[in-house]
Amino acid sequence: MTASGVELRIDCVAIKIGSAIYSLPRPNRHDNVIHWVFNLLGDEWQEPEVQGFLTSKGEFVERKPALAIATAAGQLIAPLDRGELYSEEMW
């Protein structure tokens, strides 16, 4: 539990490109976000993306810290033991 009484959880998939964060609600996967962003940015997409998730606090976290958060929150429905979180493990 956090100080506000709200448990930290993983809410949705996200990618980060530079300082911009793009996300889609569950049950979307990272490839859905990538396709959506490519349609938005097209040739303007010059930087590689970092794949991760948004937490219940609205913070972007990469796959490794996301796994720890999802595990602590009891959100995993199909653990894959990859050392990183994949949406397939959650929805």
Protein backbone atom coordinates (compact mmCIF):
# COMPACT_ATOMS: atom_id res chain seq x y z
CA MET A 1 0.00 0.00 0.00
CA THR A 2 1.17 3.52 -0.66
CA ALA A 3 0.90 6.38 1.79
CA SER A 4 -2.43 7.33 0.19
CA GLY A 5 -3.76 3.79 0.73
CA VAL A 6 -3.78 2.95 -2.99
CA GLU A 7 -1.85 -0.14 -4.00
CA LEU A 8 0.62 0.37 -6.82
CA ARG A 9 -0.52 -1.62 -9.84
CA ILE A 10 0.12 -1.94 -13.55
CA ASP A 11 -2.69 -0.31 -15.54
CA CYS A 12 -1.78 -0.54 -19.23
CA VAL A 13 0.88 -1.08 -21.88
CA ALA A 14 2.94 1.91 -22.98
CA ILE A 15 5.91 2.89 -25.06
CA LYS A 16 8.23 5.82 -24.58
CA ILE A 17 9.77 7.66 -27.52
CA GLY A 18 12.11 10.40 -26.38
CA SER A 19 10.15 12.17 -23.66
CA ALA A 20 6.72 11.27 -25.08
CA ILE A 21 4.73 8.36 -23.64
CA TYR A 22 2.01 6.60 -25.62
CA SER A 23 -0.35 4.06 -24.07
CA LEU A 24 -3.50 2.10 -24.80
CA PRO A 25 -5.85 0.45 -22.29
CA ARG A 26 -5.93 -3.27 -21.64
CA PRO A 27 -6.24 -5.72 -23.32
CA ASN A 28 -3.99 -3.98 -25.88
CA ARG A 29 -0.43 -5.18 -26.31
CA HIS A 30 2.77 -3.33 -27.13
CA ASP A 31 2.46 -4.05 -30.84
CA ASN A 32 -0.96 -2.32 -30.80
CA VAL A 33 0.65 0.81 -29.34
CA ILE A 34 3.53 0.65 -31.83
CA HIS A 35 1.15 0.39 -34.81
CA TRP A 36 -1.00 3.24 -33.47
CA VAL A 37 2.00 5.51 -32.91
CA PHE A 38 3.43 4.68 -36.33
CA ASN A 39 0.10 5.72 -37.87
CA LEU A 40 0.27 8.97 -35.87
CA LEU A 41 3.91 9.84 -36.49
CA GLY A 42 4.86 8.01 -39.68
CA ASP A 43 8.25 9.22 -40.90
CA GLU A 44 8.56 11.60 -37.93
CA TRP A 45 9.27 8.58 -35.69
CA GLN A 46 13.05 8.74 -35.55
CA GLU A 47 13.93 7.40 -32.11
CA PRO A 48 13.69 3.80 -30.92
CA GLU A 49 10.91 3.10 -28.46
CA VAL A 50 11.27 1.79 -24.92
CA GLN A 51 8.53 -0.68 -24.07
CA GLY A 52 6.94 -0.63 -20.65
CA PHE A 53 3.75 0.01 -18.74
CA LEU A 54 1.90 2.77 -16.93
CA THR A 55 1.29 2.29 -13.22
CA SER A 56 -1.79 3.23 -11.23
CA LYS A 57 0.11 6.45 -10.40
CA GLY A 58 0.46 7.28 -14.11
CA GLU A 59 4.20 6.65 -14.11
CA PHE A 60 6.00 4.93 -16.98
CA VAL A 61 8.04 1.90 -15.90
CA GLU A 62 10.12 -0.41 -18.05
CA ARG A 63 9.47 -4.15 -18.20
CA LYS A 64 11.73 -5.26 -15.28
CA PRO A 65 10.35 -2.90 -12.63
CA ALA A 66 6.85 -3.53 -14.00
CA LEU A 67 7.26 -7.24 -13.26
CA ALA A 68 8.04 -6.50 -9.61
CA ILE A 69 5.02 -4.20 -9.33
CA ALA A 70 2.63 -6.66 -10.98
CA THR A 71 3.95 -9.54 -8.88
CA ALA A 72 3.56 -7.59 -5.62
CA ALA A 73 0.03 -6.55 -6.62
CA GLY A 74 -0.96 -10.13 -7.46
CA GLN A 75 -1.78 -9.23 -11.06
CA LEU A 76 -0.04 -12.09 -12.88
CA ILE A 77 -2.39 -14.65 -14.39
CA ALA A 78 0.18 -16.55 -16.48
CA PRO A 79 3.76 -15.98 -15.23
CA LEU A 80 6.31 -16.61 -17.99
CA ASP A 81 9.50 -16.35 -15.91
CA ARG A 82 11.32 -14.08 -18.40
CA GLY A 83 12.54 -11.58 -15.82
CA GLU A 84 10.47 -8.86 -17.48
CA LEU A 85 6.75 -8.19 -17.65
CA TYR A 86 4.78 -8.96 -20.82
CA SER A 87 1.11 -8.11 -21.19
CA GLU A 88 0.41 -11.78 -21.96
CA GLU A 89 1.13 -12.44 -18.28
CA MET A 90 -1.63 -10.10 -17.19
CA TRP A 91 -4.47 -10.04 -19.73
